[in-house]
């Protein structure tokens, strides 16, 4: 699978770049409950990292929470708008009250995968 980095080392591997092509490995914390169109990976700071799929070309099974995966794609440092954060919260089946509490954009690490390997069967 080539040079795979732990997800926890992604930001350090990026250095000063806002995007970088790489392969990372991590543990799935959550998956979109509507159709598997995103997932989140466990990160050392306690804030899960969002993973989307290039061009919505594929989706993840919803039963992979807790499994280890290897991702190939684009690592990103980005700011997420309030509108997008609310959309993600709705996809995660958060209550209208929880969605309404989202009032500030958020700086975060993210990953756009063009390929995923589920390591735990």
C-alpha atoms as a PDB file:
ATOM      1  CA  UNK A   1       0.000   0.000   0.000  1.00  0.00           C
ATOM      2  CA  UNK A   2       2.999   2.285  -0.084  1.00  0.00           C
ATOM      3  CA  UNK A   3       3.923   4.985   2.409  1.00  0.00           C
ATOM      4  CA  UNK A   4       0.935   4.992   4.797  1.00  0.00           C
ATOM      5  CA  UNK A   5       0.991   7.445   7.715  1.00  0.00           C
ATOM      6  CA  UNK A   6      -1.120   7.196  10.876  1.00  0.00           C
ATOM      7  CA  UNK A   7      -3.980   9.740  10.738  1.00  0.00           C
ATOM      8  CA  UNK A   8      -2.536  11.281  13.927  1.00  0.00           C
ATOM      9  CA  UNK A   9       0.626  12.276  11.969  1.00  0.00           C
ATOM     10  CA  UNK A  10      -1.215  13.794   8.989  1.00  0.00           C
ATOM     11  CA  UNK A  11      -1.001  17.448  10.050  1.00  0.00           C
ATOM     12  CA  UNK A  12       2.730  17.186  10.829  1.00  0.00           C
ATOM     13  CA  UNK A  13       3.343  15.483   7.459  1.00  0.00           C
ATOM     14  CA  UNK A  14       1.570  18.374   5.687  1.00  0.00           C
ATOM     15  CA  UNK A  15       3.922  20.987   7.140  1.00  0.00           C
ATOM     16  CA  UNK A  16       2.900  24.472   5.928  1.00  0.00           C
ATOM     17  CA  UNK A  17       0.803  23.178   3.013  1.00  0.00           C
ATOM     18  CA  UNK A  18      -2.993  23.510   3.069  1.00  0.00           C
ATOM     19  CA  UNK A  19      -3.377  20.354   0.931  1.00  0.00           C
ATOM     20  CA  UNK A  20      -1.216  17.283   0.329  1.00  0.00           C
ATOM     21  CA  UNK A  21      -1.648  13.946  -1.454  1.00  0.00           C
ATOM     22  CA  UNK A  22      -1.016  11.065   0.943  1.00  0.00           C
ATOM     23  CA  UNK A  23      -2.160   7.739   2.337  1.00  0.00           C
ATOM     24  CA  UNK A  24      -3.278   7.554   5.959  1.00  0.00           C
ATOM     25  CA  UNK A  25      -4.557   4.870   8.309  1.00  0.00           C
ATOM     26  CA  UNK A  26      -7.071   5.379  11.097  1.00  0.00           C
ATOM     27  CA  UNK A  27     -10.047   4.062  13.040  1.00  0.00           C
ATOM     28  CA  UNK A  28     -13.598   4.895  11.905  1.00  0.00           C
ATOM     29  CA  UNK A  29     -15.621   6.770  14.566  1.00  0.00           C
ATOM     30  CA  UNK A  30     -18.822   7.526  12.622  1.00  0.00           C
ATOM     31  CA  UNK A  31     -20.424   7.103   9.181  1.00  0.00           C
ATOM     32  CA  UNK A  32     -23.173   9.182   7.504  1.00  0.00           C
ATOM     33  CA  UNK A  33     -26.437   7.595   8.617  1.00  0.00           C
ATOM     34  CA  UNK A  34     -28.300   8.556   5.427  1.00  0.00           C
ATOM     35  CA  UNK A  35     -26.205   6.813   2.776  1.00  0.00           C
ATOM     36  CA  UNK A  36     -22.589   6.477   3.927  1.00  0.00           C
ATOM     37  CA  UNK A  37     -21.482   9.616   2.054  1.00  0.00           C
ATOM     38  CA  UNK A  38     -18.879  10.580   4.712  1.00  0.00           C
ATOM     39  CA  UNK A  39     -17.115   9.076   7.703  1.00  0.00           C
ATOM     40  CA  UNK A  40     -14.986  10.375  10.554  1.00  0.00           C
ATOM     41  CA  UNK A  41     -11.668   9.052  11.845  1.00  0.00           C
ATOM     42  CA  UNK A  42     -10.395   9.083  15.417  1.00  0.00           C
ATOM     43  CA  UNK A  43      -7.766  11.777  16.046  1.00  0.00           C
ATOM     44  CA  UNK A  44      -5.521  12.331  19.090  1.00  0.00           C
ATOM     45  CA  UNK A  45      -7.078  15.714  20.005  1.00  0.00           C
ATOM     46  CA  UNK A  46     -10.493  14.060  20.504  1.00  0.00           C
ATOM     47  CA  UNK A  47     -12.000  15.887  17.494  1.00  0.00           C
ATOM     48  CA  UNK A  48     -12.824  13.315  14.804  1.00  0.00           C
ATOM     49  CA  UNK A  49     -11.595  14.143  11.286  1.00  0.00           C
ATOM     50  CA  UNK A  50     -14.176  14.188   8.481  1.00  0.00           C
ATOM     51  CA  UNK A  51     -13.516  12.069   5.404  1.00  0.00           C
ATOM     52  CA  UNK A  52     -15.464  12.675   2.185  1.00  0.00           C
ATOM     53  CA  UNK A  53     -15.217  10.770  -1.080  1.00  0.00           C
ATOM     54  CA  UNK A  54     -13.948  12.348  -4.301  1.00  0.00           C
ATOM     55  CA  UNK A  55     -16.807  13.318  -6.642  1.00  0.00           C
ATOM     56  CA  UNK A  56     -19.229  11.284  -4.455  1.00  0.00           C
ATOM     57  CA  UNK A  57     -17.933   8.344  -6.536  1.00  0.00           C
ATOM     58  CA  UNK A  58     -18.496   5.822  -3.739  1.00  0.00           C
ATOM     59  CA  UNK A  59     -19.985   5.451  -0.255  1.00  0.00           C
ATOM     60  CA  UNK A  60     -19.075   3.516   2.892  1.00  0.00           C
ATOM     61  CA  UNK A  61     -21.043   0.700   4.529  1.00  0.00           C
ATOM     62  CA  UNK A  62     -22.672   1.991   7.709  1.00  0.00           C
ATOM     63  CA  UNK A  63     -21.411  -0.952   9.801  1.00  0.00           C
ATOM     64  CA  UNK A  64     -17.689  -0.064   9.736  1.00  0.00           C
ATOM     65  CA  UNK A  65     -17.609   2.033  12.940  1.00  0.00           C
ATOM     66  CA  UNK A  66     -14.650   0.837  15.014  1.00  0.00           C
ATOM     67  CA  UNK A  67     -12.841  -0.652  12.009  1.00  0.00           C
ATOM     68  CA  UNK A  68      -9.403   0.404  10.753  1.00  0.00           C
ATOM     69  CA  UNK A  69      -9.120   1.811   7.240  1.00  0.00           C
ATOM     70  CA  UNK A  70      -6.406   3.023   4.864  1.00  0.00           C
ATOM     71  CA  UNK A  71      -7.310   6.087   2.793  1.00  0.00           C
ATOM     72  CA  UNK A  72      -5.633   7.347  -0.374  1.00  0.00           C
ATOM     73  CA  UNK A  73      -6.371  10.937  -1.327  1.00  0.00           C
ATOM     74  CA  UNK A  74      -6.032  14.603  -0.420  1.00  0.00           C
ATOM     75  CA  UNK A  75      -5.349  15.816   3.121  1.00  0.00           C
ATOM     76  CA  UNK A  76      -6.696  19.332   3.773  1.00  0.00           C
ATOM     77  CA  UNK A  77      -6.560  22.118   6.345  1.00  0.00           C
ATOM     78  CA  UNK A  78      -9.803  24.060   5.921  1.00  0.00           C
ATOM     79  CA  UNK A  79     -12.476  26.256   7.477  1.00  0.00           C
ATOM     80  CA  UNK A  80     -15.992  24.772   7.472  1.00  0.00           C
ATOM     81  CA  UNK A  81     -18.932  27.197   7.131  1.00  0.00           C
ATOM     82  CA  UNK A  82     -21.833  27.252   9.606  1.00  0.00           C
ATOM     83  CA  UNK A  83     -24.179  26.120   6.805  1.00  0.00           C
ATOM     84  CA  UNK A  84     -22.041  23.067   6.030  1.00  0.00           C
ATOM     85  CA  UNK A  85     -21.587  22.220   9.728  1.00  0.00           C
ATOM     86  CA  UNK A  86     -25.373  22.317  10.177  1.00  0.00           C
ATOM     87  CA  UNK A  87     -25.831  20.056   7.128  1.00  0.00           C
ATOM     88  CA  UNK A  88     -23.359  17.544   8.616  1.00  0.00           C
ATOM     89  CA  UNK A  89     -25.209  17.673  11.949  1.00  0.00           C
ATOM     90  CA  UNK A  90     -28.529  16.976  10.194  1.00  0.00           C
ATOM     91  CA  UNK A  91     -26.929  14.025   8.329  1.00  0.00           C
ATOM     92  CA  UNK A  92     -25.749  12.706  11.704  1.00  0.00           C
ATOM     93  CA  UNK A  93     -29.397  12.857  12.907  1.00  0.00           C
ATOM     94  CA  UNK A  94     -28.737  15.586  15.497  1.00  0.00           C
ATOM     95  CA  UNK A  95     -31.788  17.279  17.010  1.00  0.00           C
ATOM     96  CA  UNK A  96     -32.984  20.658  15.633  1.00  0.00           C
ATOM     97  CA  UNK A  97     -31.829  22.221  18.929  1.00  0.00           C
ATOM     98  CA  UNK A  98     -28.301  20.815  18.501  1.00  0.00           C
ATOM     99  CA  UNK A  99     -28.197  22.020  14.875  1.00  0.00           C
ATOM    100  CA  UNK A 100     -29.325  25.530  15.914  1.00  0.00           C
ATOM    101  CA  UNK A 101     -26.440  25.766  18.427  1.00  0.00           C
ATOM    102  CA  UNK A 102     -23.926  25.731  15.549  1.00  0.00           C
ATOM    103  CA  UNK A 103     -23.131  29.436  15.079  1.00  0.00           C
ATOM    104  CA  UNK A 104     -19.393  29.638  14.277  1.00  0.00           C
ATOM    105  CA  UNK A 105     -17.287  28.320  11.386  1.00  0.00           C
ATOM    106  CA  UNK A 106     -14.684  25.734  12.369  1.00  0.00           C
ATOM    107  CA  UNK A 107     -11.043  25.232  11.354  1.00  0.00           C
ATOM    108  CA  UNK A 108     -10.306  21.549  10.912  1.00  0.00           C
ATOM    109  CA  UNK A 109      -8.344  18.850   9.191  1.00  0.00           C
ATOM    110  CA  UNK A 110     -10.247  16.893   6.558  1.00  0.00           C
ATOM    111  CA  UNK A 111      -9.528  14.223   3.976  1.00  0.00           C
ATOM    112  CA  UNK A 112     -10.979  13.649   0.504  1.00  0.00           C
ATOM    113  CA  UNK A 113     -10.489   9.972  -0.298  1.00  0.00           C
ATOM    114  CA  UNK A 114     -10.229   8.597  -3.817  1.00  0.00           C
ATOM    115  CA  UNK A 115      -9.812   5.090  -2.427  1.00  0.00           C
ATOM    116  CA  UNK A 116     -10.499   3.259   0.855  1.00  0.00           C
ATOM    117  CA  UNK A 117      -9.386  -0.159   2.096  1.00  0.00           C
ATOM    118  CA  UNK A 118     -11.241  -1.576   5.130  1.00  0.00           C
ATOM    119  CA  UNK A 119      -8.605  -3.544   7.062  1.00  0.00           C
ATOM    120  CA  UNK A 120     -10.868  -5.265   9.616  1.00  0.00           C
ATOM    121  CA  UNK A 121     -13.338  -7.657   8.026  1.00  0.00           C
END
